[in-house]
Amino acid sequence: MQKKRIDEQPQPAPDEQKPVGEQVSEGAQQAVAEAQQEVAEARRPWYRTIYWGRVLIMVYIIWMALFALLAWWVYYHPVLGIDVAITREFQENQTPFVKDTMIAASYPGNAAWLSTGFIILTAIIFWVLDLRLEALIVPVHSIVSALINVGIKLLISRPRPSASLVEVFQVASGKSFPSGHVMAYVAFWGLLFSFGLILFRGKYWWRIALLIVSAIMVVLVGPSRIYLGDHWASDVLGAYIIGGVLLGITLSIYLKLKEKGVLAPRSTRWKYIRYAKKAA
């Protein structure tokens, strides 16, 4: 009789029997699985990814000759009249909104901890979503871009804008050509924009947000460097050009590795291998 009364007592639900830590872990795993599924649904077929990537690469390669010509010109002409005129034109608008926007656009590049945090967080997100090759490409490309920027600055050795010629809102150290901020933004945000185009399709909110935010960051950083008096317009133009060239080279390497299925999930690696054999 006693046994029957015990059996009839209501039993706790399965979730109530599990420790809180285990429930949180299962919830996180479910969220990651759902995110992986949504990203997988948005992924372009691998052959379309390669096609669009090659289209972008052709555009980037053309910029190489333009950068070489510009670098040669500023090496022999450190101060250009057109640079001074452009900076003064930019700085005519002294409204708080414009000034604050320009400062905000440059801020991530001024805070090393923030820009580094963006790179690490992006790499982690890509890795969790089984985009492991992309997770590796993001930090490597940013590091290579930074090293090349330092090398070119030492080679060209162009002085920064002088307060006697234009207004300098932020005093920056080091050489001027090409802009380190612009190259860093093209390396990180430009790469994310490229991934958004060639990897994914559809009108998913996160894809649209990725494309919009990345484009805004790349577009605004150049004018902000001119407005704040940290760089000449030719510094910014040169950084956009060489940044685009490096981005094209990185995408070319990335697509070659993609074709071979490097770091691809085991469930899809055979597709890349089969495509590579057909292409050969």
C-alpha atoms as a PDB file:
ATOM      1  CA  MET A   1       0.000   0.000   0.000  1.00  0.00           C
ATOM      2  CA  GLN A   2       2.822   2.353   0.871  1.00  0.00           C
ATOM      3  CA  LYS A   3       4.556   1.492  -2.415  1.00  0.00           C
ATOM      4  CA  LYS A   4       1.473   2.377  -4.415  1.00  0.00           C
ATOM      5  CA  ARG A   5       1.219   5.817  -2.791  1.00  0.00           C
ATOM      6  CA  ILE A   6       4.863   6.528  -3.631  1.00  0.00           C
ATOM      7  CA  ASP A   7       4.376   5.468  -7.256  1.00  0.00           C
ATOM      8  CA  GLU A   8       1.330   7.709  -7.596  1.00  0.00           C
ATOM      9  CA  GLN A   9       3.221  10.829  -6.511  1.00  0.00           C
ATOM     10  CA  PRO A  10       3.893  13.227  -9.435  1.00  0.00           C
ATOM     11  CA  GLN A  11       7.377  12.854 -10.858  1.00  0.00           C
ATOM     12  CA  PRO A  12       9.420  15.953 -11.761  1.00  0.00           C
ATOM     13  CA  ALA A  13       9.731  16.831 -15.426  1.00  0.00           C
ATOM     14  CA  PRO A  14      12.910  15.690 -17.136  1.00  0.00           C
ATOM     15  CA  ASP A  15      14.283  19.267 -17.351  1.00  0.00           C
ATOM     16  CA  GLU A  16      13.649  19.767 -13.628  1.00  0.00           C
ATOM     17  CA  GLN A  17      15.787  16.730 -12.827  1.00  0.00           C
ATOM     18  CA  LYS A  18      18.828  18.119 -14.674  1.00  0.00           C
ATOM     19  CA  PRO A  19      21.282  20.524 -13.032  1.00  0.00           C
ATOM     20  CA  VAL A  20      21.024  24.154 -14.121  1.00  0.00           C
ATOM     21  CA  GLY A  21      24.486  24.050 -15.668  1.00  0.00           C
ATOM     22  CA  GLU A  22      23.538  21.097 -17.845  1.00  0.00           C
ATOM     23  CA  GLN A  23      20.320  22.816 -18.982  1.00  0.00           C
ATOM     24  CA  VAL A  24      22.266  25.949 -19.972  1.00  0.00           C
ATOM     25  CA  SER A  25      24.810  23.835 -21.840  1.00  0.00           C
ATOM     26  CA  GLU A  26      22.077  22.018 -23.764  1.00  0.00           C
ATOM     27  CA  GLY A  27      20.380  25.327 -24.588  1.00  0.00           C
ATOM     28  CA  ALA A  28      23.643  26.764 -25.915  1.00  0.00           C
ATOM     29  CA  GLN A  29      24.260  23.647 -28.003  1.00  0.00           C
ATOM     30  CA  GLN A  30      20.772  23.877 -29.457  1.00  0.00           C
ATOM     31  CA  ALA A  31      21.250  27.566 -30.318  1.00  0.00           C
ATOM     32  CA  VAL A  32      24.552  26.811 -32.040  1.00  0.00           C
ATOM     33  CA  ALA A  33      22.975  23.934 -33.969  1.00  0.00           C
ATOM     34  CA  GLU A  34      20.127  26.175 -35.156  1.00  0.00           C
ATOM     35  CA  ALA A  35      22.597  28.882 -36.210  1.00  0.00           C
ATOM     36  CA  GLN A  36      24.679  26.320 -38.102  1.00  0.00           C
ATOM     37  CA  GLN A  37      21.570  25.070 -39.890  1.00  0.00           C
ATOM     38  CA  GLU A  38      20.480  28.585 -40.907  1.00  0.00           C
ATOM     39  CA  VAL A  39      23.945  29.500 -42.151  1.00  0.00           C
ATOM     40  CA  ALA A  40      24.131  26.216 -44.070  1.00  0.00           C
ATOM     41  CA  GLU A  41      20.814  27.009 -45.769  1.00  0.00           C
ATOM     42  CA  ALA A  42      22.124  30.425 -46.784  1.00  0.00           C
ATOM     43  CA  ARG A  43      25.397  29.076 -48.169  1.00  0.00           C
ATOM     44  CA  ARG A  44      25.859  29.369 -51.911  1.00  0.00           C
ATOM     45  CA  PRO A  45      26.767  26.193 -53.801  1.00  0.00           C
ATOM     46  CA  TRP A  46      30.551  25.804 -53.757  1.00  0.00           C
ATOM     47  CA  TYR A  47      30.865  26.374 -57.528  1.00  0.00           C
ATOM     48  CA  ARG A  48      28.945  29.692 -57.282  1.00  0.00           C
ATOM     49  CA  THR A  49      31.159  30.755 -54.384  1.00  0.00           C
ATOM     50  CA  ILE A  50      34.233  30.199 -56.529  1.00  0.00           C
ATOM     51  CA  TYR A  51      32.684  32.044 -59.490  1.00  0.00           C
ATOM     52  CA  TRP A  52      31.824  35.190 -57.528  1.00  0.00           C
ATOM     53  CA  GLY A  53      35.135  35.119 -55.746  1.00  0.00           C
ATOM     54  CA  ARG A  54      36.994  35.128 -59.061  1.00  0.00           C
ATOM     55  CA  VAL A  55      34.929  38.062 -60.311  1.00  0.00           C
ATOM     56  CA  LEU A  56      36.027  40.086 -57.283  1.00  0.00           C
ATOM     57  CA  ILE A  57      39.638  39.023 -57.741  1.00  0.00           C
ATOM     58  CA  MET A  58      39.728  40.393 -61.298  1.00  0.00           C
ATOM     59  CA  VAL A  59      38.601  43.774 -59.989  1.00  0.00           C
ATOM     60  CA  TYR A  60      41.191  43.782 -57.216  1.00  0.00           C
ATOM     61  CA  ILE A  61      44.101  42.910 -59.521  1.00  0.00           C
ATOM     62  CA  ILE A  62      43.527  46.006 -61.671  1.00  0.00           C
ATOM     63  CA  TRP A  63      44.188  48.193 -58.635  1.00  0.00           C
ATOM     64  CA  MET A  64      47.785  47.014 -58.287  1.00  0.00           C
ATOM     65  CA  ALA A  65      49.129  49.120 -61.140  1.00  0.00           C
ATOM     66  CA  LEU A  66      47.277  52.167 -59.846  1.00  0.00           C
ATOM     67  CA  PHE A  67      48.869  51.816 -56.417  1.00  0.00           C
ATOM     68  CA  ALA A  68      52.371  51.495 -57.844  1.00  0.00           C
ATOM     69  CA  LEU A  69      51.892  54.690 -59.837  1.00  0.00           C
ATOM     70  CA  LEU A  70      50.498  56.591 -56.844  1.00  0.00           C
ATOM     71  CA  ALA A  71      53.263  55.401 -54.493  1.00  0.00           C
ATOM     72  CA  TRP A  72      55.922  56.547 -56.972  1.00  0.00           C
ATOM     73  CA  TRP A  73      54.255  59.961 -57.278  1.00  0.00           C
ATOM     74  CA  VAL A  74      53.955  60.741 -53.553  1.00  0.00           C
ATOM     75  CA  TYR A  75      57.511  59.514 -52.958  1.00  0.00           C
ATOM     76  CA  TYR A  76      58.799  62.362 -55.118  1.00  0.00           C
ATOM     77  CA  HIS A  77      56.043  64.832 -54.145  1.00  0.00           C
ATOM     78  CA  PRO A  78      55.414  64.519 -50.363  1.00  0.00           C
ATOM     79  CA  VAL A  79      53.084  67.549 -50.292  1.00  0.00           C
ATOM     80  CA  LEU A  80      50.554  67.886 -53.091  1.00  0.00           C
ATOM     81  CA  GLY A  81      48.445  70.967 -53.661  1.00  0.00           C
ATOM     82  CA  ILE A  82      45.405  68.859 -54.441  1.00  0.00           C
ATOM     83  CA  ASP A  83      45.796  67.044 -51.084  1.00  0.00           C
ATOM     84  CA  VAL A  84      45.784  70.346 -49.198  1.00  0.00           C
ATOM     85  CA  ALA A  85      42.750  71.578 -51.151  1.00  0.00           C
ATOM     86  CA  ILE A  86      40.790  68.361 -50.519  1.00  0.00           C
ATOM     87  CA  THR A  87      41.518  68.394 -46.777  1.00  0.00           C
ATOM     88  CA  ARG A  88      40.479  72.045 -46.430  1.00  0.00           C
ATOM     89  CA  GLU A  89      37.291  71.294 -48.351  1.00  0.00           C
ATOM     90  CA  PHE A  90      36.518  68.389 -46.024  1.00  0.00           C
ATOM     91  CA  GLN A  91      37.171  70.491 -42.926  1.00  0.00           C
ATOM     92  CA  GLU A  92      34.874  73.351 -43.920  1.00  0.00           C
ATOM     93  CA  ASN A  93      31.948  71.594 -42.241  1.00  0.00           C
ATOM     94  CA  GLN A  94      32.622  71.883 -38.505  1.00  0.00           C
ATOM     95  CA  THR A  95      29.170  70.818 -37.253  1.00  0.00           C
ATOM     96  CA  PRO A  96      29.228  68.556 -34.172  1.00  0.00           C
ATOM     97  CA  PHE A  97      27.390  65.782 -36.029  1.00  0.00           C
ATOM     98  CA  VAL A  98      29.964  65.561 -38.818  1.00  0.00           C
ATOM     99  CA  LYS A  99      32.914  65.828 -36.447  1.00  0.00           C
ATOM    100  CA  ASP A 100      31.533  63.202 -34.055  1.00  0.00           C
ATOM    101  CA  THR A 101      30.765  60.866 -36.966  1.00  0.00           C
ATOM    102  CA  MET A 102      34.315  61.148 -38.276  1.00  0.00           C
ATOM    103  CA  ILE A 103      35.774  60.540 -34.818  1.00  0.00           C
ATOM    104  CA  ALA A 104      33.502  57.527 -34.295  1.00  0.00           C
ATOM    105  CA  ALA A 105      34.439  56.065 -37.689  1.00  0.00           C
ATOM    106  CA  SER A 106      38.144  56.199 -36.803  1.00  0.00           C
ATOM    107  CA  TYR A 107      37.793  55.097 -33.183  1.00  0.00           C
ATOM    108  CA  PRO A 108      37.990  51.287 -33.693  1.00  0.00           C
ATOM    109  CA  GLY A 109      41.287  51.798 -35.473  1.00  0.00           C
ATOM    110  CA  ASN A 110      42.622  53.930 -32.612  1.00  0.00           C
ATOM    111  CA  ALA A 111      41.718  51.327 -29.965  1.00  0.00           C
ATOM    112  CA  ALA A 112      43.906  48.283 -30.540  1.00  0.00           C
ATOM    113  CA  TRP A 113      41.964  46.244 -27.984  1.00  0.00           C
ATOM    114  CA  LEU A 114      38.689  46.872 -29.856  1.00  0.00           C
ATOM    115  CA  SER A 115      39.954  46.045 -33.340  1.00  0.00           C
ATOM    116  CA  THR A 116      41.736  42.956 -32.019  1.00  0.00           C
ATOM    117  CA  GLY A 117      38.577  41.925 -30.186  1.00  0.00           C
ATOM    118  CA  PHE A 118      36.532  42.195 -33.397  1.00  0.00           C
ATOM    119  CA  ILE A 119      38.990  39.944 -35.224  1.00  0.00           C
ATOM    120  CA  ILE A 120      39.095  37.301 -32.466  1.00  0.00           C
ATOM    121  CA  LEU A 121      35.307  37.307 -32.017  1.00  0.00           C
ATOM    122  CA  THR A 122      34.724  36.944 -35.754  1.00  0.00           C
ATOM    123  CA  ALA A 123      37.166  34.052 -35.970  1.00  0.00           C
ATOM    124  CA  ILE A 124      35.425  32.307 -33.068  1.00  0.00           C
ATOM    125  CA  ILE A 125      31.969  32.757 -34.641  1.00  0.00           C
ATOM    126  CA  PHE A 126      33.145  31.385 -37.982  1.00  0.00           C
ATOM    127  CA  TRP A 127      34.762  28.398 -36.265  1.00  0.00           C
ATOM    128  CA  VAL A 128      31.616  27.595 -34.284  1.00  0.00           C
ATOM    129  CA  LEU A 129      29.569  27.788 -37.500  1.00  0.00           C
ATOM    130  CA  ASP A 130      31.867  25.220 -39.180  1.00  0.00           C
ATOM    131  CA  LEU A 131      33.440  27.893 -41.398  1.00  0.00           C
ATOM    132  CA  ARG A 132      36.891  26.961 -40.188  1.00  0.00           C
ATOM    133  CA  LEU A 133      38.906  28.054 -43.187  1.00  0.00           C
ATOM    134  CA  GLU A 134      37.246  31.475 -42.975  1.00  0.00           C
ATOM    135  CA  ALA A 135      38.000  31.592 -39.250  1.00  0.00           C
ATOM    136  CA  LEU A 136      41.689  31.128 -40.032  1.00  0.00           C
ATOM    137  CA  ILE A 137      41.775  33.563 -42.971  1.00  0.00           C
ATOM    138  CA  VAL A 138      40.365  36.520 -40.994  1.00  0.00           C
ATOM    139  CA  PRO A 139      43.203  36.963 -38.444  1.00  0.00           C
ATOM    140  CA  VAL A 140      45.985  35.924 -40.831  1.00  0.00           C
ATOM    141  CA  HIS A 141      44.902  38.453 -43.457  1.00  0.00           C
ATOM    142  CA  SER A 142      44.703  41.276 -40.906  1.00  0.00           C
ATOM    143  CA  ILE A 143      48.186  40.501 -39.571  1.00  0.00           C
ATOM    144  CA  VAL A 144      49.733  40.359 -43.054  1.00  0.00           C
ATOM    145  CA  SER A 145      48.040  43.634 -44.011  1.00  0.00           C
ATOM    146  CA  ALA A 146      49.407  45.373 -40.914  1.00  0.00           C
ATOM    147  CA  LEU A 147      52.959  44.174 -41.603  1.00  0.00           C
ATOM    148  CA  ILE A 148      52.820  45.298 -45.233  1.00  0.00           C
ATOM    149  CA  ASN A 149      51.491  48.699 -44.166  1.00  0.00           C
ATOM    150  CA  VAL A 150      54.474  49.195 -41.854  1.00  0.00           C
ATOM    151  CA  GLY A 151      56.886  48.148 -44.589  1.00  0.00           C
ATOM    152  CA  ILE A 152      55.447  50.545 -47.182  1.00  0.00           C
ATOM    153  CA  LYS A 153      55.418  53.427 -44.703  1.00  0.00           C
ATOM    154  CA  LEU A 154      59.106  52.890 -43.970  1.00  0.00           C
ATOM    155  CA  LEU A 155      59.877  52.706 -47.691  1.00  0.00           C
ATOM    156  CA  ILE A 156      57.955  55.814 -48.786  1.00  0.00           C
ATOM    157  CA  SER A 157      58.596  57.733 -45.525  1.00  0.00           C
ATOM    158  CA  ARG A 158      56.032  60.444 -46.230  1.00  0.00           C
ATOM    159  CA  PRO A 159      55.393  62.979 -43.423  1.00  0.00           C
ATOM    160  CA  ARG A 160      51.904  63.433 -42.046  1.00  0.00           C
ATOM    161  CA  PRO A 161      49.820  66.594 -42.681  1.00  0.00           C
ATOM    162  CA  SER A 162      51.208  69.690 -40.984  1.00  0.00           C
ATOM    163  CA  ALA A 163      49.168  71.977 -38.732  1.00  0.00           C
ATOM    164  CA  SER A 164      50.533  74.901 -40.746  1.00  0.00           C
ATOM    165  CA  LEU A 165      48.685  73.665 -43.831  1.00  0.00           C
ATOM    166  CA  VAL A 166      45.485  72.100 -42.459  1.00  0.00           C
ATOM    167  CA  GLU A 167      43.711  71.668 -39.141  1.00  0.00           C
ATOM    168  CA  VAL A 168      44.870  68.592 -37.247  1.00  0.00           C
ATOM    169  CA  PHE A 169      42.187  67.366 -34.832  1.00  0.00           C
ATOM    170  CA  GLN A 170      44.091  64.234 -33.829  1.00  0.00           C
ATOM    171  CA  VAL A 171      47.859  64.160 -33.724  1.00  0.00           C
ATOM    172  CA  ALA A 172      49.109  60.777 -34.960  1.00  0.00           C
ATOM    173  CA  SER A 173      52.650  59.430 -34.946  1.00  0.00           C
ATOM    174  CA  GLY A 174      54.505  57.577 -37.658  1.00  0.00           C
ATOM    175  CA  LYS A 175      54.551  58.042 -41.403  1.00  0.00           C
ATOM    176  CA  SER A 176      51.605  58.935 -43.581  1.00  0.00           C
ATOM    177  CA  PHE A 177      51.511  56.802 -46.749  1.00  0.00           C
ATOM    178  CA  PRO A 178      49.452  54.648 -46.904  1.00  0.00           C
ATOM    179  CA  SER A 179      46.806  55.064 -44.189  1.00  0.00           C
ATOM    180  CA  GLY A 180      47.040  52.294 -41.609  1.00  0.00           C
ATOM    181  CA  HIS A 181      43.417  52.753 -40.557  1.00  0.00           C
ATOM    182  CA  VAL A 182      42.124  52.320 -44.094  1.00  0.00           C
ATOM    183  CA  MET A 183      44.239  49.247 -44.767  1.00  0.00           C
ATOM    184  CA  ALA A 184      43.134  47.668 -41.486  1.00  0.00           C
ATOM    185  CA  TYR A 185      39.463  48.355 -42.231  1.00  0.00           C
ATOM    186  CA  VAL A 186      39.717  46.977 -45.770  1.00  0.00           C
ATOM    187  CA  ALA A 187      41.535  43.912 -44.421  1.00  0.00           C
ATOM    188  CA  PHE A 188      38.871  43.126 -41.812  1.00  0.00           C
ATOM    189  CA  TRP A 189      35.592  44.734 -42.867  1.00  0.00           C
ATOM    190  CA  GLY A 190      36.335  44.355 -46.568  1.00  0.00           C
ATOM    191  CA  LEU A 191      36.992  40.655 -46.081  1.00  0.00           C
ATOM    192  CA  LEU A 192      33.723  40.257 -44.165  1.00  0.00           C
ATOM    193  CA  PHE A 193      31.875  42.084 -46.963  1.00  0.00           C
ATOM    194  CA  SER A 194      33.470  39.756 -49.525  1.00  0.00           C
ATOM    195  CA  PHE A 195      32.506  36.688 -47.492  1.00  0.00           C
ATOM    196  CA  GLY A 196      28.965  38.041 -47.243  1.00  0.00           C
ATOM    197  CA  LEU A 197      28.791  38.257 -51.041  1.00  0.00           C
ATOM    198  CA  ILE A 198      30.475  35.051 -52.112  1.00  0.00           C
ATOM    199  CA  LEU A 199      29.506  32.703 -49.279  1.00  0.00           C
ATOM    200  CA  PHE A 200      25.878  33.509 -48.578  1.00  0.00           C
ATOM    201  CA  ARG A 201      22.686  34.296 -50.443  1.00  0.00           C
ATOM    202  CA  GLY A 202      19.162  35.364 -49.581  1.00  0.00           C
ATOM    203  CA  LYS A 203      17.686  38.159 -47.474  1.00  0.00           C
ATOM    204  CA  TYR A 204      18.601  36.879 -44.032  1.00  0.00           C
ATOM    205  CA  TRP A 205      18.764  39.786 -41.586  1.00  0.00           C
ATOM    206  CA  TRP A 206      22.254  38.873 -40.426  1.00  0.00           C
ATOM    207  CA  ARG A 207      23.582  38.780 -43.993  1.00  0.00           C
ATOM    208  CA  ILE A 208      22.070  42.173 -44.787  1.00  0.00           C
ATOM    209  CA  ALA A 209      23.437  43.601 -41.529  1.00  0.00           C
ATOM    210  CA  LEU A 210      26.884  42.158 -42.280  1.00  0.00           C
ATOM    211  CA  LEU A 211      26.970  43.738 -45.734  1.00  0.00           C
ATOM    212  CA  ILE A 212      25.655  47.126 -44.583  1.00  0.00           C
ATOM    213  CA  VAL A 213      27.885  47.487 -41.514  1.00  0.00           C
ATOM    214  CA  SER A 214      30.978  46.293 -43.374  1.00  0.00           C
ATOM    215  CA  ALA A 215      30.361  48.657 -46.273  1.00  0.00           C
ATOM    216  CA  ILE A 216      29.746  51.634 -43.978  1.00  0.00           C
ATOM    217  CA  MET A 217      32.945  51.021 -42.032  1.00  0.00           C
ATOM    218  CA  VAL A 218      35.061  50.752 -45.185  1.00  0.00           C
ATOM    219  CA  VAL A 219      33.474  53.792 -46.824  1.00  0.00           C
ATOM    220  CA  LEU A 220      33.597  56.120 -43.796  1.00  0.00           C
ATOM    221  CA  VAL A 221      37.120  55.427 -42.538  1.00  0.00           C
ATOM    222  CA  GLY A 222      38.788  57.128 -45.507  1.00  0.00           C
ATOM    223  CA  PRO A 223      36.993  60.481 -45.248  1.00  0.00           C
ATOM    224  CA  SER A 224      37.414  60.395 -41.460  1.00  0.00           C
ATOM    225  CA  ARG A 225      41.212  60.212 -41.750  1.00  0.00           C
ATOM    226  CA  ILE A 226      41.234  63.207 -44.095  1.00  0.00           C
ATOM    227  CA  TYR A 227      38.770  65.217 -42.012  1.00  0.00           C
ATOM    228  CA  LEU A 228      40.696  64.685 -38.774  1.00  0.00           C
ATOM    229  CA  GLY A 229      43.944  65.825 -40.411  1.00  0.00           C
ATOM    230  CA  ASP A 230      45.738  62.507 -39.858  1.00  0.00           C
ATOM    231  CA  HIS A 231      46.267  61.717 -43.550  1.00  0.00           C
ATOM    232  CA  TRP A 232      46.279  63.258 -46.985  1.00  0.00           C
ATOM    233  CA  ALA A 233      43.683  62.172 -49.523  1.00  0.00           C
ATOM    234  CA  SER A 234      46.400  60.386 -51.527  1.00  0.00           C
ATOM    235  CA  ASP A 235      47.321  58.393 -48.391  1.00  0.00           C
ATOM    236  CA  VAL A 236      43.732  57.228 -48.142  1.00  0.00           C
ATOM    237  CA  LEU A 237      43.469  56.455 -51.860  1.00  0.00           C
ATOM    238  CA  GLY A 238      46.693  54.475 -51.762  1.00  0.00           C
ATOM    239  CA  ALA A 239      45.487  52.486 -48.755  1.00  0.00           C
ATOM    240  CA  TYR A 240      42.209  51.624 -50.465  1.00  0.00           C
ATOM    241  CA  ILE A 241      44.089  50.457 -53.557  1.00  0.00           C
ATOM    242  CA  ILE A 242      46.770  48.349 -51.857  1.00  0.00           C
ATOM    243  CA  GLY A 243      44.197  47.062 -49.367  1.00  0.00           C
ATOM    244  CA  GLY A 244      42.061  45.914 -52.275  1.00  0.00           C
ATOM    245  CA  VAL A 245      45.044  44.228 -53.917  1.00  0.00           C
ATOM    246  CA  LEU A 246      45.877  42.333 -50.722  1.00  0.00           C
ATOM    247  CA  LEU A 247      42.239  41.387 -50.361  1.00  0.00           C
ATOM    248  CA  GLY A 248      42.235  40.012 -53.893  1.00  0.00           C
ATOM    249  CA  ILE A 249      45.361  37.954 -53.230  1.00  0.00           C
ATOM    250  CA  THR A 250      43.878  36.606 -50.010  1.00  0.00           C
ATOM    251  CA  LEU A 251      40.633  35.666 -51.744  1.00  0.00           C
ATOM    252  CA  SER A 252      42.583  33.925 -54.481  1.00  0.00           C
ATOM    253  CA  ILE A 253      44.438  31.813 -51.920  1.00  0.00           C
ATOM    254  CA  TYR A 254      41.234  31.231 -49.984  1.00  0.00           C
ATOM    255  CA  LEU A 255      39.387  29.961 -53.072  1.00  0.00           C
ATOM    256  CA  LYS A 256      42.230  27.594 -53.955  1.00  0.00           C
ATOM    257  CA  LEU A 257      42.074  26.143 -50.467  1.00  0.00           C
ATOM    258  CA  LYS A 258      38.279  26.056 -50.665  1.00  0.00           C
ATOM    259  CA  GLU A 259      38.404  24.036 -53.867  1.00  0.00           C
ATOM    260  CA  LYS A 260      40.591  21.458 -52.114  1.00  0.00           C
ATOM    261  CA  GLY A 261      38.248  21.254 -49.143  1.00  0.00           C
ATOM    262  CA  VAL A 262      40.849  22.467 -46.637  1.00  0.00           C
ATOM    263  CA  LEU A 263      39.312  22.616 -43.128  1.00  0.00           C
ATOM    264  CA  ALA A 264      35.875  21.880 -44.613  1.00  0.00           C
ATOM    265  CA  PRO A 265      33.443  19.818 -42.515  1.00  0.00           C
ATOM    266  CA  ARG A 266      33.828  16.098 -43.212  1.00  0.00           C
ATOM    267  CA  SER A 267      30.224  15.892 -44.405  1.00  0.00           C
ATOM    268  CA  THR A 268      30.927  18.250 -47.338  1.00  0.00           C
ATOM    269  CA  ARG A 269      34.646  17.727 -47.962  1.00  0.00           C
ATOM    270  CA  TRP A 270      34.032  15.113 -50.638  1.00  0.00           C
ATOM    271  CA  LYS A 271      32.084  17.687 -52.704  1.00  0.00           C
ATOM    272  CA  TYR A 272      35.075  20.006 -52.874  1.00  0.00           C
ATOM    273  CA  ILE A 273      37.391  17.154 -53.785  1.00  0.00           C
ATOM    274  CA  ARG A 274      35.056  15.988 -56.553  1.00  0.00           C
ATOM    275  CA  TYR A 275      34.765  19.525 -57.934  1.00  0.00           C
ATOM    276  CA  ALA A 276      38.570  19.962 -57.882  1.00  0.00           C
ATOM    277  CA  LYS A 277      39.004  16.716 -59.862  1.00  0.00           C
ATOM    278  CA  LYS A 278      36.490  17.876 -62.487  1.00  0.00           C
ATOM    279  CA  ALA A 279      38.172  21.292 -62.754  1.00  0.00           C
ATOM    280  CA  ALA A 280      41.565  19.600 -63.241  1.00  0.00           C
END
